[in-house]
Amino acid sequence: MWSVTKERPRSATNWKDNMMFSNNLQNVVHNPVIPYVGTLSEELGPGKLVVIHGHVPNDADRFQVDFQCGSSVKPRADVAFHFNPRFKRSGYIVCNTLMKEKWGWEEITYEMPFEKGKPFEIMVMVLKDKFQVAVNGKHLLLYKHRIEPEKIDTLGIYGKVQIVSLGFRSNLSLQGTQATSLRTLTMNSENQMQASEASQFTLPYVAKLNSAMKPGQTIVIKAEVKKNPKGSFTVDLIAASTKDIALHLNPRLNAKAFVRNSFLCESWGAEERNIAHFPFSPGMYFEMIIYCSTNEYKVAINGVHVLEYKHRFKEFGKIDTLKIDGDIDLLDIRSW
């Protein structure tokens, strides 16, 4: 059968420390003078994360963050990713690429998370085929690579903006573990679980946990939402001996509802749906952290806490199975 990969316990077991991507940044630059042009200390390939904290002045009309291939002015260096919030009318964000001093086609996002006179956090993830941008903890946009990210060696920030800090992190394991042939759990004709050969992370994915999901345990699920999702996906923590579902997480992508529930004694309970904002979008990469505390499960998406779910099933020693299915591509799973 499959077993979820188990990591050694981390020294920082605090929930906030575990979930915040913007903690433990490297090569942090504080209060840079704008315009800022800085050489990157390492290659900006897949797995890198750039976090920028700043403030929008009251008189701002626009600013830009450019991921550049060099710092040349004449001829102007290529810009692999041009991120340009503009504050005209209701505001919008222009993304583009500059190659050989010529701009490509603009990709415009009309959702405007920046406000004049307000602070902000920009988080840029470098993925294998795209950049993924979140602002103030909320997913904003995806931008497919037009220039290989490995060619980026300079970060430029221009316009009317104040930057408090910018930093980097390079230990996001976005590529997952090496795929190997392992034994998964499947259902036979008598609706009983049995082991069979399957490729790693094929959906539906059913795995035996290395240890029961009791208080203090954490599971991290790394995946990408399908580009054209048809419905939803589910993450279930199951007591295999009773078939009870202690925790049922069901993000419904079309309805933008994040449903939580439990299936106990062959019956579903009352759904919980309240959430500040729906954290998923088509095509986005995410890391879902599920932490079991004494009283509840806590769930974070890409470093941002999104919900709590009070325990309804408290026989923790029986919660031994993880099941994942739906409109995602599963990349990696860890537990400790």
Protein backbone atom coordinates (compact mmCIF):
# COMPACT_ATOMS: atom_id res chain seq x y z
CA MET A 1 0.00 0.00 0.00
CA TRP A 2 1.03 3.60 -0.26
CA SER A 3 2.27 5.34 2.81
CA VAL A 4 2.40 9.11 3.03
CA THR A 5 6.01 10.31 3.13
CA LYS A 6 6.97 11.08 6.71
CA GLU A 7 9.42 13.84 7.58
CA ARG A 8 11.27 14.22 10.84
CA PRO A 9 9.47 16.56 13.27
CA ARG A 10 10.44 20.17 12.74
CA SER A 11 11.88 22.23 15.54
CA ALA A 12 9.25 24.90 14.91
CA THR A 13 5.93 23.20 15.58
CA ASN A 14 4.00 26.42 16.03
CA TRP A 15 1.08 26.51 13.57
CA LYS A 16 1.81 30.07 12.45
CA ASP A 17 5.48 29.24 11.81
CA ASN A 18 4.58 26.14 9.83
CA MET A 19 2.13 27.86 7.51
CA MET A 20 3.82 31.15 6.65
CA PHE A 21 5.79 31.06 3.39
CA SER A 22 7.01 34.60 4.02
CA ASN A 23 8.88 33.55 7.18
CA ASN A 24 12.58 32.65 7.05
CA LEU A 25 13.32 34.66 3.91
CA GLN A 26 16.86 34.86 2.60
CA ASN A 27 18.90 37.78 1.27
CA VAL A 28 16.38 40.32 2.59
CA VAL A 29 16.76 43.93 1.41
CA HIS A 30 15.24 46.56 3.71
CA ASN A 31 13.88 49.96 2.65
CA PRO A 32 15.52 50.11 -0.80
CA VAL A 33 15.59 53.42 -2.64
CA ILE A 34 13.21 53.48 -5.61
CA PRO A 35 14.01 53.02 -8.44
CA TYR A 36 15.67 49.84 -7.21
CA VAL A 37 17.74 47.55 -9.43
CA GLY A 38 19.34 44.61 -7.64
CA THR A 39 21.26 41.57 -8.81
CA LEU A 40 19.86 38.23 -7.62
CA SER A 41 22.22 36.12 -5.55
CA GLU A 42 21.05 32.84 -7.11
CA GLU A 43 19.19 31.44 -10.08
CA LEU A 44 15.45 32.15 -10.07
CA GLY A 45 14.29 28.73 -11.22
CA PRO A 46 11.20 26.68 -10.31
CA GLY A 47 10.78 26.45 -6.57
CA LYS A 48 11.81 30.03 -5.82
CA LEU A 49 9.60 32.46 -3.96
CA VAL A 50 9.91 36.26 -3.94
CA VAL A 51 8.11 38.26 -1.23
CA ILE A 52 7.80 42.04 -1.36
CA HIS A 53 6.33 44.17 1.45
CA GLY A 54 5.52 47.76 0.69
CA HIS A 55 3.12 50.70 0.82
CA VAL A 56 1.21 52.53 -1.92
CA PRO A 57 1.52 56.35 -1.61
CA ASN A 58 -1.66 58.41 -1.76
CA ASP A 59 -0.52 60.06 -5.00
CA ALA A 60 0.46 56.83 -6.78
CA ASP A 61 -0.52 56.48 -10.42
CA ARG A 62 1.43 53.26 -11.17
CA PHE A 63 4.42 51.17 -10.16
CA GLN A 64 6.10 48.08 -11.55
CA VAL A 65 8.10 45.06 -10.50
CA ASP A 66 10.31 43.72 -13.30
CA PHE A 67 12.05 40.34 -13.33
CA GLN A 68 14.90 41.25 -15.65
CA CYS A 69 17.61 39.47 -17.63
CA GLY A 70 20.36 41.90 -16.75
CA SER A 71 20.41 45.59 -15.85
CA SER A 72 21.42 47.18 -19.16
CA VAL A 73 19.70 50.49 -20.00
CA LYS A 74 20.93 50.88 -23.59
CA PRO A 75 19.99 48.50 -25.07
CA ARG A 76 17.31 47.81 -22.47
CA ALA A 77 17.58 44.44 -20.77
CA ASP A 78 14.90 41.85 -21.47
CA VAL A 79 12.11 41.69 -18.90
CA ALA A 80 10.82 38.16 -18.39
CA PHE A 81 7.93 39.27 -16.18
CA HIS A 82 6.63 42.84 -15.98
CA PHE A 83 4.07 43.28 -13.14
CA ASN A 84 2.50 46.75 -13.39
CA PRO A 85 -0.40 47.92 -11.17
CA ARG A 86 -2.04 51.08 -12.56
CA PHE A 87 -4.44 53.21 -10.54
CA LYS A 88 -6.48 54.92 -13.25
CA ARG A 89 -10.26 54.72 -12.73
CA SER A 90 -10.99 51.53 -10.76
CA GLY A 91 -7.47 50.24 -11.36
CA TYR A 92 -6.01 47.26 -13.20
CA ILE A 93 -2.77 45.29 -13.51
CA VAL A 94 -0.78 44.88 -16.72
CA CYS A 95 1.61 41.95 -17.18
CA ASN A 96 3.95 41.64 -20.14
CA THR A 97 7.38 40.56 -21.41
CA LEU A 98 10.04 42.73 -23.07
CA MET A 99 12.29 40.96 -25.60
CA LYS A 100 14.90 42.76 -27.71
CA GLU A 101 13.40 46.10 -26.62
CA LYS A 102 9.93 45.17 -27.88
CA TRP A 103 6.93 44.52 -25.65
CA GLY A 104 4.74 41.50 -26.28
CA TRP A 105 0.98 41.30 -25.83
CA GLU A 106 -0.43 42.66 -22.61
CA GLU A 107 -2.26 40.44 -20.17
CA ILE A 108 -4.61 42.60 -18.10
CA THR A 109 -6.16 41.73 -14.74
CA TYR A 110 -9.02 43.97 -13.66
CA GLU A 111 -9.05 42.76 -10.08
CA MET A 112 -7.14 45.43 -8.10
CA PRO A 113 -5.92 44.34 -4.65
CA PHE A 114 -3.75 47.44 -4.11
CA GLU A 115 -5.15 50.56 -2.44
CA LYS A 116 -3.66 54.02 -2.20
CA GLY A 117 -2.38 54.75 1.28
CA LYS A 118 -2.39 51.03 2.24
CA PRO A 119 0.36 48.45 2.83
CA PHE A 120 0.67 45.32 0.71
CA GLU A 121 2.45 41.99 0.39
CA ILE A 122 3.28 40.62 -3.06
CA MET A 123 4.22 36.94 -3.21
CA VAL A 124 5.57 35.61 -6.52
CA MET A 125 6.08 31.86 -6.91
CA VAL A 126 8.23 30.64 -9.77
CA LEU A 127 6.75 27.42 -11.13
CA LYS A 128 7.95 25.18 -13.95
CA ASP A 129 5.76 26.79 -16.61
CA LYS A 130 4.49 30.04 -15.05
CA PHE A 131 4.65 32.71 -12.39
CA GLN A 132 1.94 32.66 -9.74
CA VAL A 133 1.18 35.91 -7.92
CA ALA A 134 -0.70 36.43 -4.66
CA VAL A 135 -1.32 39.81 -3.04
CA ASN A 136 -2.15 40.18 0.65
CA GLY A 137 -2.46 36.41 0.96
CA LYS A 138 -4.98 36.05 -1.88
CA HIS A 139 -4.30 34.45 -5.25
CA LEU A 140 -4.30 37.08 -8.00
CA LEU A 141 -2.99 35.81 -11.33
CA LEU A 142 -0.93 33.36 -13.36
CA TYR A 143 1.56 34.38 -16.06
CA LYS A 144 3.07 31.77 -18.40
CA HIS A 145 6.80 31.97 -19.01
CA ARG A 146 7.80 33.60 -22.29
CA ILE A 147 11.48 33.68 -21.27
CA GLU A 148 13.09 30.88 -19.25
CA PRO A 149 13.10 31.96 -15.58
CA GLU A 150 16.68 30.72 -15.24
CA LYS A 151 17.74 33.72 -17.37
CA ILE A 152 16.42 36.17 -14.76
CA ASP A 153 19.26 37.65 -12.71
CA THR A 154 17.97 41.10 -11.74
CA LEU A 155 14.95 42.51 -9.91
CA GLY A 156 13.81 46.05 -10.75
CA ILE A 157 11.17 48.09 -8.90
CA TYR A 158 10.09 51.45 -10.34
CA GLY A 159 7.36 54.05 -10.01
CA LYS A 160 5.44 55.54 -7.10
CA VAL A 161 5.80 52.90 -4.40
CA GLN A 162 7.52 52.49 -1.06
CA ILE A 163 9.21 49.15 -0.38
CA VAL A 164 9.73 48.05 3.20
CA SER A 165 11.48 44.76 2.42
CA LEU A 166 12.01 42.18 -0.27
CA GLY A 167 13.35 38.70 0.22
CA PHE A 168 13.67 35.27 -1.33
CA ARG A 169 13.06 31.69 -0.38
CA SER A 170 14.34 28.70 -2.30
CA ASN A 171 13.25 25.57 -0.48
CA LEU A 172 9.73 25.08 -1.86
CA SER A 173 9.72 21.48 -3.16
CA LEU A 174 7.33 22.21 -6.01
CA GLN A 175 8.41 19.29 -8.13
CA GLY A 176 7.35 16.62 -5.64
CA THR A 177 9.19 13.42 -4.87
CA GLN A 178 10.57 10.95 -7.39
CA ALA A 179 7.74 8.87 -8.82
CA THR A 180 8.08 5.18 -7.98
CA SER A 181 5.86 2.13 -8.32
CA LEU A 182 4.16 1.64 -4.98
CA ARG A 183 1.14 -0.20 -3.70
CA THR A 184 -2.05 1.78 -3.37
CA LEU A 185 -5.40 0.96 -1.80
CA THR A 186 -8.35 0.24 -4.10
CA MET A 187 -11.89 -1.00 -3.61
CA ASN A 188 -12.76 -4.53 -4.70
CA SER A 189 -16.18 -5.79 -5.83
CA GLU A 190 -17.21 -6.32 -2.22
CA ASN A 191 -16.38 -2.69 -1.37
CA GLN A 192 -13.35 -3.68 0.67
CA MET A 193 -9.93 -2.05 0.45
CA GLN A 194 -7.14 -4.08 -1.04
CA ALA A 195 -3.61 -3.35 -2.21
CA SER A 196 -2.76 -3.11 -5.93
CA GLU A 197 0.00 -1.71 -8.14
CA ALA A 198 -0.43 1.88 -9.39
CA SER A 199 1.68 4.85 -10.34
CA GLN A 200 2.27 7.39 -7.60
CA PHE A 201 -0.37 10.12 -7.08
CA THR A 202 -2.94 8.69 -9.50
CA LEU A 203 -6.43 9.88 -8.53
CA PRO A 204 -8.37 8.77 -6.62
CA TYR A 205 -5.40 8.62 -4.26
CA VAL A 206 -5.87 6.51 -1.13
CA ALA A 207 -2.99 6.09 1.31
CA LYS A 208 -2.40 4.68 4.74
CA LEU A 209 -0.97 7.29 7.12
CA ASN A 210 2.29 6.35 8.83
CA SER A 211 0.69 7.36 12.13
CA ALA A 212 -2.85 8.21 13.12
CA MET A 213 -4.04 11.80 12.61
CA LYS A 214 -3.97 12.84 16.25
CA PRO A 215 -3.31 16.26 17.85
CA GLY A 216 0.13 17.55 16.84
CA GLN A 217 0.11 15.84 13.42
CA THR A 218 0.46 17.75 10.14
CA ILE A 219 -0.21 16.80 6.52
CA VAL A 220 0.97 18.90 3.55
CA ILE A 221 -0.61 18.33 0.13
CA LYS A 222 1.03 19.89 -2.94
CA ALA A 223 -1.05 20.05 -6.11
CA GLU A 224 -2.26 22.11 -9.04
CA VAL A 225 -5.89 22.85 -9.83
CA LYS A 226 -6.88 21.69 -13.31
CA LYS A 227 -6.79 24.46 -15.92
CA ASN A 228 -10.42 23.79 -16.84
CA PRO A 229 -11.96 22.26 -13.71
CA LYS A 230 -15.39 20.73 -14.11
CA GLY A 231 -16.45 20.69 -10.50
CA SER A 232 -14.52 20.20 -7.29
CA PHE A 233 -11.93 18.17 -5.42
CA THR A 234 -11.98 16.44 -2.06
CA VAL A 235 -9.55 15.66 0.74
CA ASP A 236 -10.80 13.13 3.29
CA LEU A 237 -9.32 11.87 6.56
CA ILE A 238 -10.88 8.48 7.16
CA ALA A 239 -11.13 5.90 9.93
CA ALA A 240 -10.82 2.82 7.72
CA SER A 241 -12.13 0.41 10.36
CA THR A 242 -15.48 2.23 10.64
CA LYS A 243 -15.53 4.07 7.25
CA ASP A 244 -16.21 7.29 9.13
CA ILE A 245 -14.84 10.47 7.54
CA ALA A 246 -13.44 12.62 10.33
CA LEU A 247 -12.64 15.54 8.00
CA HIS A 248 -14.11 16.14 4.55
CA LEU A 249 -12.66 19.14 2.70
CA ASN A 250 -14.48 19.93 -0.55
CA PRO A 251 -13.50 23.07 -2.48
CA ARG A 252 -16.18 23.55 -5.17
CA LEU A 253 -14.42 25.47 -7.92
CA ASN A 254 -17.37 26.66 -9.98
CA ALA A 255 -19.46 27.72 -6.99
CA LYS A 256 -16.38 29.08 -5.15
CA ALA A 257 -17.52 27.36 -1.97
CA PHE A 258 -15.16 25.60 0.46
CA VAL A 259 -17.36 22.96 2.10
CA ARG A 260 -16.33 21.11 5.27
CA ASN A 261 -18.17 18.20 6.85
CA SER A 262 -17.92 14.78 8.55
CA PHE A 263 -19.53 11.47 7.61
CA LEU A 264 -20.30 9.65 10.87
CA CYS A 265 -22.46 6.59 11.54
CA GLU A 266 -23.34 6.40 7.82
CA SER A 267 -24.69 9.96 7.75
CA TRP A 268 -23.39 13.39 6.72
CA GLY A 269 -23.48 16.15 9.29
CA ALA A 270 -24.15 19.87 8.88
CA GLU A 271 -21.98 21.57 6.26
CA GLU A 272 -19.68 24.45 7.17
CA ARG A 273 -19.06 27.00 4.40
CA ASN A 274 -18.06 30.32 6.00
CA ILE A 275 -14.74 31.61 4.67
CA ALA A 276 -13.17 35.05 4.14
CA HIS A 277 -12.33 34.36 0.51
CA PHE A 278 -12.17 31.32 -1.77
CA PRO A 279 -8.46 30.45 -2.06
CA PHE A 280 -8.39 28.41 -5.30
CA SER A 281 -8.36 29.34 -9.00
CA PRO A 282 -8.04 27.29 -12.21
CA GLY A 283 -4.44 26.34 -12.99
CA MET A 284 -2.99 27.53 -9.67
CA TYR A 285 -0.40 25.64 -7.65
CA PHE A 286 -1.16 25.24 -3.95
CA GLU A 287 0.20 23.75 -0.78
CA MET A 288 -2.54 22.76 1.64
CA ILE A 289 -1.44 22.35 5.26
CA ILE A 290 -3.76 20.41 7.56
CA TYR A 291 -2.81 20.61 11.22
CA CYS A 292 -4.62 18.65 13.92
CA SER A 293 -4.81 20.53 17.23
CA THR A 294 -6.50 19.42 20.43
CA ASN A 295 -9.85 20.97 19.57
CA GLU A 296 -9.89 21.38 15.81
CA TYR A 297 -8.27 21.00 12.42
CA LYS A 298 -6.55 24.09 11.04
CA VAL A 299 -6.12 24.52 7.30
CA ALA A 300 -3.79 26.89 5.43
CA ILE A 301 -3.41 27.41 1.68
CA ASN A 302 -0.07 28.73 0.35
CA GLY A 303 0.99 29.96 3.74
CA VAL A 304 -2.29 31.68 4.63
CA HIS A 305 -4.60 30.35 7.34
CA VAL A 306 -8.10 29.93 5.86
CA LEU A 307 -10.26 27.92 8.27
CA GLU A 308 -10.73 25.88 11.44
CA TYR A 309 -12.97 22.83 11.81
CA LYS A 310 -13.96 21.58 15.26
CA HIS A 311 -13.46 17.86 15.85
CA ARG A 312 -16.64 15.80 15.47
CA PHE A 313 -14.82 12.45 15.43
CA LYS A 314 -12.51 12.18 18.43
CA GLU A 315 -11.25 8.60 18.22
CA PHE A 316 -7.99 9.93 16.80
CA GLY A 317 -6.23 6.57 16.91
CA LYS A 318 -8.61 5.29 14.23
CA ILE A 319 -8.00 8.10 11.69
CA ASP A 320 -5.48 6.23 9.54
CA THR A 321 -6.32 6.86 5.86
CA LEU A 322 -6.05 9.80 3.47
CA LYS A 323 -8.14 9.98 0.29
CA ILE A 324 -7.84 12.67 -2.40
CA ASP A 325 -9.86 12.95 -5.60
CA GLY A 326 -11.21 15.46 -8.10
CA ASP A 327 -10.06 18.27 -10.39
CA ILE A 328 -6.41 18.55 -9.36
CA ASP A 329 -3.03 17.15 -10.35
CA LEU A 330 -1.44 15.78 -7.19
CA LEU A 331 2.30 16.48 -6.91
CA ASP A 332 3.49 15.57 -3.43
CA ILE A 333 2.32 14.67 0.08
CA ARG A 334 4.20 14.94 3.36
CA SER A 335 3.30 14.23 6.97
CA TRP A 336 4.91 14.59 10.36
